[in-house]
Amino acid sequence: MGKLVKGITWAKEQFEKGSRPGKEKILEWIEAEHIPGQIIAGEPYVDADRFAIRDHTGKTPAQNTSANDGQPKTGMDLLAG
């Protein structure tokens, strides 16, 4: 587990004003494992270190390897799905 940051603080750092998710949405994302974090006494805390190394697939760079050759995927590989 990396550095835990209050969900609202994390949202201010990651999202532009007007696009920030609220507490309930952050709780939902953590519960659904869309973002790494913990819910402590009903408050969302995001694991900022783990979030920083995830990409849109939800996998770490080490997990994003091509099945055949074990090499990291290129941007084109990721776009191709």
N, C-alpha and C. Protein backbone atom coordinates (compact mmCIF):
# COMPACT_ATOMS: atom_id res chain seq x y z
N MET A 1 0.85 -1.18 0.00
CA MET A 1 0.00 0.00 0.00
C MET A 1 0.89 1.23 0.00
N GLY A 2 0.57 2.14 -0.88
CA GLY A 2 1.33 3.38 -0.98
C GLY A 2 0.76 4.46 -0.09
N LYS A 3 1.01 5.67 -0.47
CA LYS A 3 0.57 6.84 0.29
C LYS A 3 -0.93 7.04 0.10
N LEU A 4 -1.67 7.05 1.21
CA LEU A 4 -3.11 7.30 1.14
C LEU A 4 -3.38 8.80 1.23
N VAL A 5 -4.24 9.27 0.34
CA VAL A 5 -4.60 10.67 0.28
C VAL A 5 -6.12 10.77 0.39
N LYS A 6 -6.62 11.74 1.15
CA LYS A 6 -8.07 11.92 1.22
C LYS A 6 -8.63 12.02 -0.19
N GLY A 7 -9.77 11.39 -0.41
CA GLY A 7 -10.36 11.36 -1.73
C GLY A 7 -10.59 12.73 -2.34
N ILE A 8 -11.09 13.66 -1.55
CA ILE A 8 -11.37 15.00 -2.07
C ILE A 8 -10.07 15.71 -2.43
N THR A 9 -9.03 15.54 -1.62
CA THR A 9 -7.72 16.13 -1.93
C THR A 9 -7.17 15.55 -3.23
N TRP A 10 -7.26 14.24 -3.37
CA TRP A 10 -6.82 13.56 -4.59
C TRP A 10 -7.56 14.09 -5.81
N ALA A 11 -8.88 14.25 -5.69
CA ALA A 11 -9.69 14.74 -6.81
C ALA A 11 -9.27 16.14 -7.22
N LYS A 12 -8.93 16.99 -6.25
CA LYS A 12 -8.48 18.35 -6.57
C LYS A 12 -7.17 18.33 -7.34
N GLU A 13 -6.32 17.34 -7.05
CA GLU A 13 -5.03 17.24 -7.73
C GLU A 13 -5.16 16.62 -9.12
N GLN A 14 -6.16 15.78 -9.33
CA GLN A 14 -6.27 15.02 -10.58
C GLN A 14 -7.28 15.58 -11.58
N PHE A 15 -8.25 16.36 -11.12
CA PHE A 15 -9.34 16.81 -11.98
C PHE A 15 -9.44 18.33 -11.99
N GLU A 16 -9.82 18.86 -13.13
CA GLU A 16 -10.07 20.29 -13.24
C GLU A 16 -11.33 20.65 -12.47
N LYS A 17 -11.37 21.89 -11.97
CA LYS A 17 -12.55 22.38 -11.28
C LYS A 17 -13.75 22.25 -12.21
N GLY A 18 -14.85 21.80 -11.69
CA GLY A 18 -16.04 21.58 -12.51
C GLY A 18 -16.15 20.16 -13.02
N SER A 19 -15.04 19.40 -12.97
CA SER A 19 -15.03 18.01 -13.42
C SER A 19 -14.72 17.05 -12.29
N ARG A 20 -14.51 17.57 -11.11
CA ARG A 20 -14.08 16.73 -9.98
C ARG A 20 -15.22 15.85 -9.47
N PRO A 21 -14.90 14.60 -9.21
CA PRO A 21 -15.90 13.73 -8.60
C PRO A 21 -16.09 14.08 -7.13
N GLY A 22 -17.27 13.85 -6.63
CA GLY A 22 -17.54 14.07 -5.22
C GLY A 22 -17.21 12.83 -4.39
N LYS A 23 -17.42 12.96 -3.11
CA LYS A 23 -17.11 11.88 -2.17
C LYS A 23 -17.82 10.58 -2.55
N GLU A 24 -19.11 10.67 -2.87
CA GLU A 24 -19.88 9.46 -3.18
C GLU A 24 -19.32 8.74 -4.41
N LYS A 25 -18.94 9.50 -5.43
CA LYS A 25 -18.39 8.89 -6.65
C LYS A 25 -17.05 8.23 -6.35
N ILE A 26 -16.21 8.87 -5.54
CA ILE A 26 -14.91 8.29 -5.18
C ILE A 26 -15.11 7.02 -4.38
N LEU A 27 -16.07 7.03 -3.45
CA LEU A 27 -16.39 5.81 -2.69
C LEU A 27 -16.81 4.69 -3.65
N GLU A 28 -17.65 5.03 -4.60
CA GLU A 28 -18.13 4.04 -5.60
C GLU A 28 -16.95 3.47 -6.39
N TRP A 29 -16.04 4.33 -6.83
CA TRP A 29 -14.89 3.88 -7.62
C TRP A 29 -13.98 2.96 -6.81
N ILE A 30 -13.77 3.29 -5.53
CA ILE A 30 -12.92 2.45 -4.69
C ILE A 30 -13.59 1.09 -4.47
N GLU A 31 -14.88 1.11 -4.16
CA GLU A 31 -15.61 -0.14 -3.92
C GLU A 31 -15.61 -1.03 -5.17
N ALA A 32 -15.70 -0.43 -6.34
CA ALA A 32 -15.71 -1.19 -7.60
C ALA A 32 -14.30 -1.51 -8.09
N GLU A 33 -13.29 -1.08 -7.34
CA GLU A 33 -11.88 -1.29 -7.66
C GLU A 33 -11.46 -0.63 -8.98
N HIS A 34 -12.13 0.49 -9.32
CA HIS A 34 -11.71 1.26 -10.49
C HIS A 34 -10.47 2.08 -10.17
N ILE A 35 -10.35 2.48 -8.92
CA ILE A 35 -9.16 3.17 -8.45
C ILE A 35 -8.70 2.50 -7.17
N PRO A 36 -7.38 2.50 -6.92
CA PRO A 36 -6.89 1.85 -5.71
C PRO A 36 -7.10 2.76 -4.49
N GLY A 37 -7.57 2.18 -3.43
CA GLY A 37 -7.77 2.98 -2.23
C GLY A 37 -8.41 2.17 -1.13
N GLN A 38 -8.77 2.89 -0.08
CA GLN A 38 -9.39 2.28 1.09
C GLN A 38 -10.51 3.19 1.58
N ILE A 39 -11.49 2.59 2.19
CA ILE A 39 -12.55 3.35 2.84
C ILE A 39 -12.34 3.17 4.34
N ILE A 40 -12.08 4.26 5.01
CA ILE A 40 -11.79 4.22 6.44
C ILE A 40 -12.82 5.08 7.15
N ALA A 41 -13.60 4.47 8.03
CA ALA A 41 -14.65 5.15 8.77
C ALA A 41 -15.57 5.95 7.83
N GLY A 42 -15.89 5.34 6.69
CA GLY A 42 -16.80 5.95 5.74
C GLY A 42 -16.18 7.01 4.84
N GLU A 43 -14.90 7.27 4.98
CA GLU A 43 -14.22 8.28 4.17
C GLU A 43 -13.32 7.60 3.13
N PRO A 44 -13.35 8.10 1.88
CA PRO A 44 -12.49 7.52 0.85
C PRO A 44 -11.07 8.06 0.91
N TYR A 45 -10.12 7.15 0.80
CA TYR A 45 -8.70 7.50 0.70
C TYR A 45 -8.15 6.78 -0.52
N VAL A 46 -7.50 7.53 -1.39
CA VAL A 46 -6.95 6.98 -2.62
C VAL A 46 -5.47 6.68 -2.42
N ASP A 47 -5.05 5.51 -2.89
CA ASP A 47 -3.63 5.15 -2.86
C ASP A 47 -2.97 5.88 -4.03
N ALA A 48 -2.43 7.06 -3.75
CA ALA A 48 -1.91 7.94 -4.79
C ALA A 48 -0.73 7.32 -5.54
N ASP A 49 0.12 6.58 -4.85
CA ASP A 49 1.27 5.95 -5.50
C ASP A 49 0.83 4.91 -6.51
N ARG A 50 -0.10 4.04 -6.11
CA ARG A 50 -0.59 3.00 -7.03
C ARG A 50 -1.39 3.61 -8.16
N PHE A 51 -2.15 4.65 -7.89
CA PHE A 51 -2.92 5.29 -8.95
C PHE A 51 -2.00 5.89 -10.01
N ALA A 52 -0.89 6.47 -9.57
CA ALA A 52 0.03 7.14 -10.49
C ALA A 52 0.65 6.18 -11.51
N ILE A 53 0.82 4.90 -11.16
CA ILE A 53 1.46 3.97 -12.08
C ILE A 53 0.47 3.12 -12.87
N ARG A 54 -0.82 3.35 -12.68
CA ARG A 54 -1.84 2.62 -13.45
C ARG A 54 -2.13 3.37 -14.73
N ASP A 55 -2.58 2.66 -15.73
CA ASP A 55 -3.02 3.31 -16.95
C ASP A 55 -4.50 3.02 -17.15
N HIS A 56 -5.01 3.33 -18.30
CA HIS A 56 -6.44 3.17 -18.56
C HIS A 56 -6.92 1.72 -18.49
N THR A 57 -6.02 0.77 -18.56
CA THR A 57 -6.43 -0.63 -18.49
C THR A 57 -6.58 -1.09 -17.04
N GLY A 58 -6.11 -0.26 -16.10
CA GLY A 58 -6.17 -0.64 -14.70
C GLY A 58 -5.04 -1.54 -14.28
N LYS A 59 -4.05 -1.72 -15.16
CA LYS A 59 -2.92 -2.59 -14.86
C LYS A 59 -1.66 -1.76 -14.66
N THR A 60 -0.73 -2.31 -13.90
CA THR A 60 0.55 -1.65 -13.72
C THR A 60 1.37 -1.83 -14.99
N PRO A 61 2.43 -1.02 -15.19
CA PRO A 61 3.27 -1.21 -16.37
C PRO A 61 3.82 -2.63 -16.49
N ALA A 62 4.14 -3.26 -15.38
CA ALA A 62 4.67 -4.63 -15.42
C ALA A 62 3.63 -5.62 -15.93
N GLN A 63 2.36 -5.34 -15.70
CA GLN A 63 1.31 -6.24 -16.16
C GLN A 63 0.97 -6.02 -17.63
N ASN A 64 1.31 -4.86 -18.17
CA ASN A 64 1.00 -4.54 -19.56
C ASN A 64 2.10 -5.04 -20.48
N THR A 65 2.18 -6.33 -20.63
CA THR A 65 3.16 -6.92 -21.54
C THR A 65 2.43 -7.70 -22.61
N SER A 66 3.04 -7.76 -23.76
CA SER A 66 2.46 -8.53 -24.85
C SER A 66 2.47 -10.01 -24.49
N ALA A 67 1.43 -10.72 -24.86
CA ALA A 67 1.32 -12.13 -24.49
C ALA A 67 2.41 -12.97 -25.12
N ASN A 68 2.84 -12.64 -26.33
CA ASN A 68 3.77 -13.49 -27.06
C ASN A 68 5.23 -13.28 -26.68
N ASP A 69 5.64 -12.03 -26.50
CA ASP A 69 7.07 -11.79 -26.34
C ASP A 69 7.49 -11.23 -24.98
N GLY A 70 6.57 -10.92 -24.13
CA GLY A 70 6.92 -10.41 -22.81
C GLY A 70 7.45 -9.00 -22.80
N GLN A 71 7.42 -8.31 -23.95
CA GLN A 71 7.89 -6.94 -24.03
C GLN A 71 6.75 -5.97 -23.67
N PRO A 72 7.09 -4.81 -23.11
CA PRO A 72 6.06 -3.84 -22.79
C PRO A 72 5.29 -3.45 -24.05
N LYS A 73 4.01 -3.19 -23.88
CA LYS A 73 3.19 -2.78 -25.00
C LYS A 73 3.51 -1.35 -25.40
N THR A 74 3.40 -1.08 -26.68
CA THR A 74 3.58 0.28 -27.18
C THR A 74 2.24 1.00 -27.09
N GLY A 75 2.26 2.29 -27.33
CA GLY A 75 1.02 3.06 -27.36
C GLY A 75 0.05 2.51 -28.38
N MET A 76 0.58 2.09 -29.53
CA MET A 76 -0.29 1.52 -30.58
C MET A 76 -0.92 0.22 -30.12
N ASP A 77 -0.16 -0.61 -29.40
CA ASP A 77 -0.71 -1.86 -28.87
C ASP A 77 -1.89 -1.56 -27.94
N LEU A 78 -1.71 -0.58 -27.06
CA LEU A 78 -2.76 -0.23 -26.11
C LEU A 78 -3.98 0.32 -26.83
N LEU A 79 -3.78 1.14 -27.85
CA LEU A 79 -4.92 1.69 -28.59
C LEU A 79 -5.65 0.60 -29.36
N ALA A 80 -4.91 -0.39 -29.86
CA ALA A 80 -5.52 -1.49 -30.62
C ALA A 80 -6.33 -2.41 -29.74
N GLY A 81 -6.05 -2.36 -28.43
CA GLY A 81 -6.82 -3.19 -27.50
C GLY A 81 -6.16 -4.46 -27.30
